[in-house]
Amino acid sequence: MKPAAVGYARAGDVQEAVALLSQHGTDAKVLAGGQSLVPLMSFRLARPSVLVDLNRVGSLDFVRDEGTSLLVGAMARQRDVETSPLVAEAAPLLAEALRHVGHVTNRNRGTVGGSLAHADPAAELPTLVTGLGGELLVEGPAGPRSIAAEGFFVGPFTTAMEYNEVLTAVRLPRLPAGTGVAVEQLARRHGDLAMVGVVAAVHLGPDGSVDLVRLAASGVGPVPVRLHAAEEVLVGAPPTDEAIDDAAATVAAAVRPPDDIHAPGSYRRDMAGLLLKRAVKTAIQRSEASA
């Protein structure tokens, strides 16, 4: 199928993009990498009146070390971020998660900000940012503001941004050296969005116990879910199978996945617990190997 007729406006900077969105109202859509929006338009599931193109806004294409955090511009291409030595050192879970996003051809064009603003509850980047407790930086007519990840995603394909705000960057806390990371997913085939996914980051202290853990799940509700209860079980505990089993047992109470055409909710819930075990064990092994 072909998209319906649509207007087009190219923004030269963030302020111009905000002005264009304000001018055209809620029927306008931002065009970044187009890896989600263009297929939706082709199937006429999305019919914006105007596309506001950000591809000439070079100020949004960067990866920056802020000392205690990593700042990634919204227009940074996913493949560039995935292969960045700085990302591998400061936020290895981001690089790990990006390897599961579509295929390399998608990541060559797709942007970090585009995936986050699309807010698919099954997607890797919203889950990663939720799990790490990141923050999203947006700019609108009233100026810039930041939104915590757990408040940014408010429903399927829905964020806390206003219609005339632009996502400019995402800030992720720097993980300590020696943190082990892992992504586990259940998908029908490579490149598909996962029916269920879990991201994990685990750091072991000098005594061998867990002193940092970050966990989140995708595909188990209307938004990505930070698994706080499972984190609390693991922090301060030795990295034993019993502790991991106890953490996985909390998942059933934390998620309420619906039934759909792909799987019943009870299956997704059980798989979330199983994938958490696998992800945490892999992250622990990687942390131990780096010690």
C-alpha atoms as a PDB file:
ATOM      1  CA  MET A   1       0.000   0.000   0.000  1.00  0.00           C
ATOM      2  CA  LYS A   2       0.959   3.633  -0.360  1.00  0.00           C
ATOM      3  CA  PRO A   3       0.658   6.430   2.192  1.00  0.00           C
ATOM      4  CA  ALA A   4      -2.081   9.000   1.856  1.00  0.00           C
ATOM      5  CA  ALA A   5      -1.087  12.450   0.623  1.00  0.00           C
ATOM      6  CA  VAL A   6       0.841  14.337   3.291  1.00  0.00           C
ATOM      7  CA  GLY A   7       2.432  17.749   3.682  1.00  0.00           C
ATOM      8  CA  TYR A   8       6.117  18.118   4.378  1.00  0.00           C
ATOM      9  CA  ALA A   9       8.191  20.644   6.307  1.00  0.00           C
ATOM     10  CA  ARG A  10      11.928  20.437   7.014  1.00  0.00           C
ATOM     11  CA  ALA A  11      13.081  21.894  10.332  1.00  0.00           C
ATOM     12  CA  GLY A  12      16.504  23.517  10.536  1.00  0.00           C
ATOM     13  CA  ASP A  13      16.697  23.434  14.311  1.00  0.00           C
ATOM     14  CA  VAL A  14      14.685  22.377  17.360  1.00  0.00           C
ATOM     15  CA  GLN A  15      12.992  25.749  17.753  1.00  0.00           C
ATOM     16  CA  GLU A  16      11.760  25.664  14.157  1.00  0.00           C
ATOM     17  CA  ALA A  17      10.460  22.119  14.665  1.00  0.00           C
ATOM     18  CA  VAL A  18       8.546  23.239  17.752  1.00  0.00           C
ATOM     19  CA  ALA A  19       7.078  26.184  15.830  1.00  0.00           C
ATOM     20  CA  LEU A  20       5.995  23.917  12.959  1.00  0.00           C
ATOM     21  CA  LEU A  21       4.333  21.464  15.335  1.00  0.00           C
ATOM     22  CA  SER A  22       2.547  24.319  17.093  1.00  0.00           C
ATOM     23  CA  GLN A  23       1.395  25.694  13.749  1.00  0.00           C
ATOM     24  CA  HIS A  24       0.021  22.437  12.358  1.00  0.00           C
ATOM     25  CA  GLY A  25      -1.454  21.022  15.567  1.00  0.00           C
ATOM     26  CA  THR A  26      -2.095  17.434  16.598  1.00  0.00           C
ATOM     27  CA  ASP A  27      -2.288  16.128  13.020  1.00  0.00           C
ATOM     28  CA  ALA A  28       1.427  16.785  12.470  1.00  0.00           C
ATOM     29  CA  LYS A  29       4.021  14.059  13.093  1.00  0.00           C
ATOM     30  CA  VAL A  30       7.772  14.241  13.581  1.00  0.00           C
ATOM     31  CA  LEU A  31       9.850  12.316  11.039  1.00  0.00           C
ATOM     32  CA  ALA A  32      13.154  10.994  12.382  1.00  0.00           C
ATOM     33  CA  GLY A  33      14.401   7.655  11.017  1.00  0.00           C
ATOM     34  CA  GLY A  34      10.945   6.669   9.786  1.00  0.00           C
ATOM     35  CA  GLN A  35      11.361   2.983  10.620  1.00  0.00           C
ATOM     36  CA  SER A  36       8.059   2.888  12.527  1.00  0.00           C
ATOM     37  CA  LEU A  37       6.126   5.845  11.136  1.00  0.00           C
ATOM     38  CA  VAL A  38       6.543   5.155   7.415  1.00  0.00           C
ATOM     39  CA  PRO A  39       5.207   1.552   7.587  1.00  0.00           C
ATOM     40  CA  LEU A  40       2.238   2.794   9.639  1.00  0.00           C
ATOM     41  CA  MET A  41       1.563   5.417   6.982  1.00  0.00           C
ATOM     42  CA  SER A  42       1.872   2.834   4.217  1.00  0.00           C
ATOM     43  CA  PHE A  43      -0.837   0.727   5.874  1.00  0.00           C
ATOM     44  CA  ARG A  44      -2.784   3.945   6.564  1.00  0.00           C
ATOM     45  CA  LEU A  45      -2.795   3.211  10.255  1.00  0.00           C
ATOM     46  CA  ALA A  46      -1.297   6.694  10.611  1.00  0.00           C
ATOM     47  CA  ARG A  47      -2.479   9.584   8.443  1.00  0.00           C
ATOM     48  CA  PRO A  48      -0.689  12.769   9.532  1.00  0.00           C
ATOM     49  CA  SER A  49      -1.457  15.955   7.663  1.00  0.00           C
ATOM     50  CA  VAL A  50       2.157  17.155   7.840  1.00  0.00           C
ATOM     51  CA  LEU A  51       5.543  15.552   8.466  1.00  0.00           C
ATOM     52  CA  VAL A  52       8.055  17.700  10.347  1.00  0.00           C
ATOM     53  CA  ASP A  53      11.444  16.341   9.275  1.00  0.00           C
ATOM     54  CA  LEU A  54      14.271  16.491  11.845  1.00  0.00           C
ATOM     55  CA  ASN A  55      16.958  14.952   9.650  1.00  0.00           C
ATOM     56  CA  ARG A  56      18.724  18.291   9.083  1.00  0.00           C
ATOM     57  CA  VAL A  57      18.849  19.077  12.825  1.00  0.00           C
ATOM     58  CA  GLY A  58      22.474  18.059  13.332  1.00  0.00           C
ATOM     59  CA  SER A  59      22.556  19.347  16.909  1.00  0.00           C
ATOM     60  CA  LEU A  60      20.496  16.309  17.972  1.00  0.00           C
ATOM     61  CA  ASP A  61      22.990  13.740  16.631  1.00  0.00           C
ATOM     62  CA  PHE A  62      25.550  13.064  19.366  1.00  0.00           C
ATOM     63  CA  VAL A  63      26.718  10.765  22.153  1.00  0.00           C
ATOM     64  CA  ARG A  64      28.207  12.697  25.071  1.00  0.00           C
ATOM     65  CA  ASP A  65      29.951  11.699  28.283  1.00  0.00           C
ATOM     66  CA  GLU A  66      28.647  13.733  31.235  1.00  0.00           C
ATOM     67  CA  GLY A  67      30.764  12.028  33.879  1.00  0.00           C
ATOM     68  CA  THR A  68      28.088  10.347  35.983  1.00  0.00           C
ATOM     69  CA  SER A  69      25.783   9.875  32.997  1.00  0.00           C
ATOM     70  CA  LEU A  70      25.644   9.365  29.237  1.00  0.00           C
ATOM     71  CA  LEU A  71      23.657  11.757  27.069  1.00  0.00           C
ATOM     72  CA  VAL A  72      22.439  10.499  23.684  1.00  0.00           C
ATOM     73  CA  GLY A  73      20.874  12.867  21.171  1.00  0.00           C
ATOM     74  CA  ALA A  74      17.476  11.981  19.780  1.00  0.00           C
ATOM     75  CA  MET A  75      18.736  11.895  16.176  1.00  0.00           C
ATOM     76  CA  ALA A  76      21.705   9.623  16.906  1.00  0.00           C
ATOM     77  CA  ARG A  77      21.398   6.625  14.598  1.00  0.00           C
ATOM     78  CA  GLN A  78      20.915   3.370  16.430  1.00  0.00           C
ATOM     79  CA  ARG A  79      23.781   1.620  14.661  1.00  0.00           C
ATOM     80  CA  ASP A  80      26.193   4.443  15.521  1.00  0.00           C
ATOM     81  CA  VAL A  81      25.204   4.226  19.175  1.00  0.00           C
ATOM     82  CA  GLU A  82      25.391   0.424  19.155  1.00  0.00           C
ATOM     83  CA  THR A  83      29.003   0.497  17.911  1.00  0.00           C
ATOM     84  CA  SER A  84      30.174   3.502  19.969  1.00  0.00           C
ATOM     85  CA  PRO A  85      33.149   2.722  22.257  1.00  0.00           C
ATOM     86  CA  LEU A  86      31.844   5.308  24.717  1.00  0.00           C
ATOM     87  CA  VAL A  87      28.463   3.569  24.932  1.00  0.00           C
ATOM     88  CA  ALA A  88      30.161   0.185  25.390  1.00  0.00           C
ATOM     89  CA  GLU A  89      32.100   1.592  28.335  1.00  0.00           C
ATOM     90  CA  ALA A  90      29.506   3.833  30.008  1.00  0.00           C
ATOM     91  CA  ALA A  91      26.184   2.103  29.227  1.00  0.00           C
ATOM     92  CA  PRO A  92      26.853  -1.420  27.926  1.00  0.00           C
ATOM     93  CA  LEU A  93      23.209  -2.406  28.380  1.00  0.00           C
ATOM     94  CA  LEU A  94      22.261   0.166  25.729  1.00  0.00           C
ATOM     95  CA  ALA A  95      24.609  -1.422  23.201  1.00  0.00           C
ATOM     96  CA  GLU A  96      23.335  -4.888  24.129  1.00  0.00           C
ATOM     97  CA  ALA A  97      19.693  -3.857  23.732  1.00  0.00           C
ATOM     98  CA  LEU A  98      20.277  -2.214  20.363  1.00  0.00           C
ATOM     99  CA  ARG A  99      21.558  -5.484  18.888  1.00  0.00           C
ATOM    100  CA  HIS A 100      18.014  -6.816  19.278  1.00  0.00           C
ATOM    101  CA  VAL A 101      16.333  -3.901  17.465  1.00  0.00           C
ATOM    102  CA  GLY A 102      15.149  -5.040  14.034  1.00  0.00           C
ATOM    103  CA  HIS A 103      18.008  -5.656  11.616  1.00  0.00           C
ATOM    104  CA  VAL A 104      21.192  -3.727  10.850  1.00  0.00           C
ATOM    105  CA  THR A 105      19.507  -2.026   7.898  1.00  0.00           C
ATOM    106  CA  ASN A 106      16.811  -0.707  10.259  1.00  0.00           C
ATOM    107  CA  ARG A 107      19.372   0.453  12.804  1.00  0.00           C
ATOM    108  CA  ASN A 108      21.410   2.248  10.142  1.00  0.00           C
ATOM    109  CA  ARG A 109      18.457   4.567   9.624  1.00  0.00           C
ATOM    110  CA  GLY A 110      16.473   4.328  12.858  1.00  0.00           C
ATOM    111  CA  THR A 111      17.141   6.858  15.608  1.00  0.00           C
ATOM    112  CA  VAL A 112      17.265   6.497  19.368  1.00  0.00           C
ATOM    113  CA  GLY A 113      14.739   9.275  19.836  1.00  0.00           C
ATOM    114  CA  GLY A 114      12.381   7.925  17.209  1.00  0.00           C
ATOM    115  CA  SER A 115      12.067   4.587  18.982  1.00  0.00           C
ATOM    116  CA  LEU A 116      11.542   6.237  22.363  1.00  0.00           C
ATOM    117  CA  ALA A 117       8.931   8.694  21.091  1.00  0.00           C
ATOM    118  CA  HIS A 118       7.097   5.877  19.288  1.00  0.00           C
ATOM    119  CA  ALA A 119       6.666   4.247  22.721  1.00  0.00           C
ATOM    120  CA  ASP A 120       5.927   0.696  21.665  1.00  0.00           C
ATOM    121  CA  PRO A 121       5.591  -1.249  24.957  1.00  0.00           C
ATOM    122  CA  ALA A 122       7.315  -4.248  23.342  1.00  0.00           C
ATOM    123  CA  ALA A 123      10.318  -2.272  22.057  1.00  0.00           C
ATOM    124  CA  GLU A 124      13.821  -2.580  23.455  1.00  0.00           C
ATOM    125  CA  LEU A 125      14.805   1.063  23.928  1.00  0.00           C
ATOM    126  CA  PRO A 126      11.806   2.151  26.024  1.00  0.00           C
ATOM    127  CA  THR A 127      12.409  -0.910  28.220  1.00  0.00           C
ATOM    128  CA  LEU A 128      16.127  -0.184  28.507  1.00  0.00           C
ATOM    129  CA  VAL A 129      15.579   3.455  29.496  1.00  0.00           C
ATOM    130  CA  THR A 130      12.924   2.429  32.027  1.00  0.00           C
ATOM    131  CA  GLY A 131      15.182  -0.227  33.521  1.00  0.00           C
ATOM    132  CA  LEU A 132      18.144   2.121  33.935  1.00  0.00           C
ATOM    133  CA  GLY A 133      16.027   4.892  35.426  1.00  0.00           C
ATOM    134  CA  GLY A 134      16.885   7.270  32.606  1.00  0.00           C
ATOM    135  CA  GLU A 135      15.343  10.612  31.833  1.00  0.00           C
ATOM    136  CA  LEU A 136      14.007  12.035  28.583  1.00  0.00           C
ATOM    137  CA  LEU A 137      14.772  15.620  27.600  1.00  0.00           C
ATOM    138  CA  VAL A 138      12.101  17.412  25.587  1.00  0.00           C
ATOM    139  CA  GLU A 139      11.657  20.948  24.311  1.00  0.00           C
ATOM    140  CA  GLY A 140       8.470  22.854  23.526  1.00  0.00           C
ATOM    141  CA  PRO A 141       7.147  26.416  23.372  1.00  0.00           C
ATOM    142  CA  ALA A 142       7.777  26.827  27.118  1.00  0.00           C
ATOM    143  CA  GLY A 143      11.393  25.679  26.796  1.00  0.00           C
ATOM    144  CA  PRO A 144      13.207  22.485  27.778  1.00  0.00           C
ATOM    145  CA  ARG A 145      12.144  20.050  30.494  1.00  0.00           C
ATOM    146  CA  SER A 146      13.086  16.554  31.621  1.00  0.00           C
ATOM    147  CA  ILE A 147      10.766  13.613  32.270  1.00  0.00           C
ATOM    148  CA  ALA A 148      11.711  10.486  34.231  1.00  0.00           C
ATOM    149  CA  ALA A 149      11.382   7.351  32.109  1.00  0.00           C
ATOM    150  CA  GLU A 150       8.726   5.796  34.339  1.00  0.00           C
ATOM    151  CA  GLY A 151       6.590   8.894  33.828  1.00  0.00           C
ATOM    152  CA  PHE A 152       7.356   9.344  30.140  1.00  0.00           C
ATOM    153  CA  PHE A 153       5.591   6.240  28.815  1.00  0.00           C
ATOM    154  CA  VAL A 154       1.917   6.571  29.736  1.00  0.00           C
ATOM    155  CA  GLY A 155       0.301   3.993  27.445  1.00  0.00           C
ATOM    156  CA  PRO A 156       0.784   2.048  24.215  1.00  0.00           C
ATOM    157  CA  PHE A 157       2.341   4.450  21.671  1.00  0.00           C
ATOM    158  CA  THR A 158       1.617   7.342  24.057  1.00  0.00           C
ATOM    159  CA  THR A 159       4.060   9.538  25.950  1.00  0.00           C
ATOM    160  CA  ALA A 160       3.882  12.456  28.363  1.00  0.00           C
ATOM    161  CA  MET A 161       5.072  14.858  25.639  1.00  0.00           C
ATOM    162  CA  GLU A 162       2.731  17.564  24.421  1.00  0.00           C
ATOM    163  CA  TYR A 163       1.840  17.596  20.725  1.00  0.00           C
ATOM    164  CA  ASN A 164       4.209  20.519  20.106  1.00  0.00           C
ATOM    165  CA  GLU A 165       7.195  19.193  22.046  1.00  0.00           C
ATOM    166  CA  VAL A 166      10.247  17.516  20.518  1.00  0.00           C
ATOM    167  CA  LEU A 167      12.304  14.812  22.184  1.00  0.00           C
ATOM    168  CA  THR A 168      15.889  16.108  22.120  1.00  0.00           C
ATOM    169  CA  ALA A 169      17.951  13.580  24.115  1.00  0.00           C
ATOM    170  CA  VAL A 170      17.960  10.748  26.640  1.00  0.00           C
ATOM    171  CA  ARG A 171      20.175  10.711  29.727  1.00  0.00           C
ATOM    172  CA  LEU A 172      21.273   7.364  31.167  1.00  0.00           C
ATOM    173  CA  PRO A 173      23.151   6.912  34.447  1.00  0.00           C
ATOM    174  CA  ARG A 174      26.648   5.566  33.970  1.00  0.00           C
ATOM    175  CA  LEU A 175      27.022   1.951  35.098  1.00  0.00           C
ATOM    176  CA  PRO A 176      30.073   1.115  37.208  1.00  0.00           C
ATOM    177  CA  ALA A 177      32.951  -0.762  35.602  1.00  0.00           C
ATOM    178  CA  GLY A 178      32.442  -4.498  35.855  1.00  0.00           C
ATOM    179  CA  THR A 179      28.656  -4.375  35.481  1.00  0.00           C
ATOM    180  CA  GLY A 180      27.319  -7.419  33.675  1.00  0.00           C
ATOM    181  CA  VAL A 181      24.414  -6.882  31.283  1.00  0.00           C
ATOM    182  CA  ALA A 182      22.010  -9.128  29.418  1.00  0.00           C
ATOM    183  CA  VAL A 183      18.902  -8.998  27.245  1.00  0.00           C
ATOM    184  CA  GLU A 184      16.593 -11.995  26.978  1.00  0.00           C
ATOM    185  CA  GLN A 185      13.632 -12.098  24.612  1.00  0.00           C
ATOM    186  CA  LEU A 186      10.934 -14.399  23.346  1.00  0.00           C
ATOM    187  CA  ALA A 187      10.225 -13.592  19.698  1.00  0.00           C
ATOM    188  CA  ARG A 188       8.832 -15.578  16.800  1.00  0.00           C
ATOM    189  CA  ARG A 189      11.883 -14.814  14.670  1.00  0.00           C
ATOM    190  CA  HIS A 190      14.989 -12.651  14.734  1.00  0.00           C
ATOM    191  CA  GLY A 191      14.169  -9.002  14.158  1.00  0.00           C
ATOM    192  CA  ASP A 192      10.575  -9.238  15.351  1.00  0.00           C
ATOM    193  CA  LEU A 193       9.403  -7.311  18.368  1.00  0.00           C
ATOM    194  CA  ALA A 194       9.547  -9.606  21.372  1.00  0.00           C
ATOM    195  CA  MET A 195       6.358 -11.040  22.843  1.00  0.00           C
ATOM    196  CA  VAL A 196       8.174 -10.745  26.174  1.00  0.00           C
ATOM    197  CA  GLY A 197      11.598  -9.327  26.969  1.00  0.00           C
ATOM    198  CA  VAL A 198      13.773  -8.635  30.009  1.00  0.00           C
ATOM    199  CA  VAL A 199      16.817  -6.365  30.334  1.00  0.00           C
ATOM    200  CA  ALA A 200      19.224  -6.775  33.251  1.00  0.00           C
ATOM    201  CA  ALA A 201      22.306  -5.060  34.634  1.00  0.00           C
ATOM    202  CA  VAL A 202      24.070  -6.531  37.676  1.00  0.00           C
ATOM    203  CA  HIS A 203      27.202  -5.427  39.525  1.00  0.00           C
ATOM    204  CA  LEU A 204      28.905  -7.492  42.223  1.00  0.00           C
ATOM    205  CA  GLY A 205      30.604  -5.860  45.190  1.00  0.00           C
ATOM    206  CA  PRO A 206      34.017  -6.766  46.664  1.00  0.00           C
ATOM    207  CA  ASP A 207      32.421  -9.460  48.856  1.00  0.00           C
ATOM    208  CA  GLY A 208      30.744 -11.097  45.842  1.00  0.00           C
ATOM    209  CA  SER A 209      27.208 -10.025  46.712  1.00  0.00           C
ATOM    210  CA  VAL A 210      24.979  -8.003  44.404  1.00  0.00           C
ATOM    211  CA  ASP A 211      25.406  -4.276  45.066  1.00  0.00           C
ATOM    212  CA  LEU A 212      23.593  -2.918  41.988  1.00  0.00           C
ATOM    213  CA  VAL A 213      20.829  -4.373  39.861  1.00  0.00           C
ATOM    214  CA  ARG A 214      18.525  -2.879  37.244  1.00  0.00           C
ATOM    215  CA  LEU A 215      15.663  -4.896  35.740  1.00  0.00           C
ATOM    216  CA  ALA A 216      12.784  -4.142  33.383  1.00  0.00           C
ATOM    217  CA  ALA A 217      10.367  -6.128  31.237  1.00  0.00           C
ATOM    218  CA  SER A 218       8.659  -5.466  27.899  1.00  0.00           C
ATOM    219  CA  GLY A 219       5.491  -6.927  26.430  1.00  0.00           C
ATOM    220  CA  VAL A 220       3.857  -7.421  29.824  1.00  0.00           C
ATOM    221  CA  GLY A 221       1.604  -4.376  29.967  1.00  0.00           C
ATOM    222  CA  PRO A 222       0.711  -1.065  28.312  1.00  0.00           C
ATOM    223  CA  VAL A 223       4.169   0.352  29.103  1.00  0.00           C
ATOM    224  CA  PRO A 224       7.584  -1.128  29.943  1.00  0.00           C
ATOM    225  CA  VAL A 225       7.733  -2.227  33.578  1.00  0.00           C
ATOM    226  CA  ARG A 226      10.598  -1.560  36.000  1.00  0.00           C
ATOM    227  CA  LEU A 227      10.868  -4.654  38.199  1.00  0.00           C
ATOM    228  CA  HIS A 228      11.556  -2.888  41.491  1.00  0.00           C
ATOM    229  CA  ALA A 229      10.525  -5.789  43.723  1.00  0.00           C
ATOM    230  CA  ALA A 230      12.900  -8.182  41.971  1.00  0.00           C
ATOM    231  CA  GLU A 231      15.719  -5.645  42.305  1.00  0.00           C
ATOM    232  CA  GLU A 232      15.073  -5.328  46.043  1.00  0.00           C
ATOM    233  CA  VAL A 233      15.294  -9.098  46.477  1.00  0.00           C
ATOM    234  CA  LEU A 234      18.688  -9.262  44.781  1.00  0.00           C
ATOM    235  CA  VAL A 235      20.465  -6.205  46.198  1.00  0.00           C
ATOM    236  CA  GLY A 236      22.701  -7.249  49.071  1.00  0.00           C
ATOM    237  CA  ALA A 237      22.176 -10.951  48.410  1.00  0.00           C
ATOM    238  CA  PRO A 238      24.755 -13.458  47.222  1.00  0.00           C
ATOM    239  CA  PRO A 239      24.221 -14.307  43.528  1.00  0.00           C
ATOM    240  CA  THR A 240      22.758 -17.754  44.180  1.00  0.00           C
ATOM    241  CA  ASP A 241      20.099 -19.680  42.294  1.00  0.00           C
ATOM    242  CA  GLU A 242      17.836 -19.355  45.334  1.00  0.00           C
ATOM    243  CA  ALA A 243      18.075 -15.550  45.307  1.00  0.00           C
ATOM    244  CA  ILE A 244      17.407 -15.440  41.572  1.00  0.00           C
ATOM    245  CA  ASP A 245      14.391 -17.747  41.971  1.00  0.00           C
ATOM    246  CA  ASP A 246      13.038 -15.488  44.714  1.00  0.00           C
ATOM    247  CA  ALA A 247      13.465 -12.451  42.476  1.00  0.00           C
ATOM    248  CA  ALA A 248      11.684 -14.184  39.589  1.00  0.00           C
ATOM    249  CA  ALA A 249       8.789 -15.085  41.885  1.00  0.00           C
ATOM    250  CA  THR A 250       8.039 -11.392  42.385  1.00  0.00           C
ATOM    251  CA  VAL A 251       7.403 -10.878  38.681  1.00  0.00           C
ATOM    252  CA  ALA A 252       3.975 -12.521  38.752  1.00  0.00           C
ATOM    253  CA  ALA A 253       2.765  -9.834  41.154  1.00  0.00           C
ATOM    254  CA  ALA A 254       4.428  -6.993  39.237  1.00  0.00           C
ATOM    255  CA  VAL A 255       3.035  -7.555  35.732  1.00  0.00           C
ATOM    256  CA  ARG A 256      -0.473  -7.966  34.359  1.00  0.00           C
ATOM    257  CA  PRO A 257      -0.101  -8.817  30.674  1.00  0.00           C
ATOM    258  CA  PRO A 258      -3.358  -9.030  28.706  1.00  0.00           C
ATOM    259  CA  ASP A 259      -4.463 -11.895  26.509  1.00  0.00           C
ATOM    260  CA  ASP A 260      -4.045 -11.246  22.782  1.00  0.00           C
ATOM    261  CA  ILE A 261      -3.796 -13.085  19.482  1.00  0.00           C
ATOM    262  CA  HIS A 262      -0.143 -13.974  20.108  1.00  0.00           C
ATOM    263  CA  ALA A 263      -0.309 -15.447  23.628  1.00  0.00           C
ATOM    264  CA  PRO A 264      -2.437 -15.546  26.765  1.00  0.00           C
ATOM    265  CA  GLY A 265      -1.466 -13.194  29.548  1.00  0.00           C
ATOM    266  CA  SER A 266      -0.617 -16.062  31.875  1.00  0.00           C
ATOM    267  CA  TYR A 267       1.965 -17.348  29.391  1.00  0.00           C
ATOM    268  CA  ARG A 268       3.602 -13.931  29.065  1.00  0.00           C
ATOM    269  CA  ARG A 269       3.727 -13.615  32.853  1.00  0.00           C
ATOM    270  CA  ASP A 270       5.392 -17.007  33.257  1.00  0.00           C
ATOM    271  CA  MET A 271       7.853 -16.244  30.485  1.00  0.00           C
ATOM    272  CA  ALA A 272       8.759 -12.928  32.096  1.00  0.00           C
ATOM    273  CA  GLY A 273       9.825 -14.791  35.224  1.00  0.00           C
ATOM    274  CA  LEU A 274      11.817 -17.336  33.236  1.00  0.00           C
ATOM    275  CA  LEU A 275      13.534 -14.688  31.116  1.00  0.00           C
ATOM    276  CA  LEU A 276      14.411 -12.729  34.254  1.00  0.00           C
ATOM    277  CA  LYS A 277      16.236 -15.785  35.606  1.00  0.00           C
ATOM    278  CA  ARG A 278      18.170 -16.196  32.376  1.00  0.00           C
ATOM    279  CA  ALA A 279      19.047 -12.511  32.070  1.00  0.00           C
ATOM    280  CA  VAL A 280      20.186 -12.170  35.690  1.00  0.00           C
ATOM    281  CA  LYS A 281      22.306 -15.325  35.532  1.00  0.00           C
ATOM    282  CA  THR A 282      23.989 -14.143  32.326  1.00  0.00           C
ATOM    283  CA  ALA A 283      24.591 -10.662  33.771  1.00  0.00           C
ATOM    284  CA  ILE A 284      26.116 -12.179  36.925  1.00  0.00           C
ATOM    285  CA  GLN A 285      28.412 -14.419  34.876  1.00  0.00           C
ATOM    286  CA  ARG A 286      29.587 -11.444  32.830  1.00  0.00           C
ATOM    287  CA  SER A 287      30.180  -9.381  35.957  1.00  0.00           C
ATOM    288  CA  GLU A 288      32.222 -12.192  37.517  1.00  0.00           C
ATOM    289  CA  ALA A 289      34.224 -12.630  34.305  1.00  0.00           C
ATOM    290  CA  SER A 290      35.160  -8.942  34.270  1.00  0.00           C
ATOM    291  CA  ALA A 291      36.375  -8.918  37.883  1.00  0.00           C
END
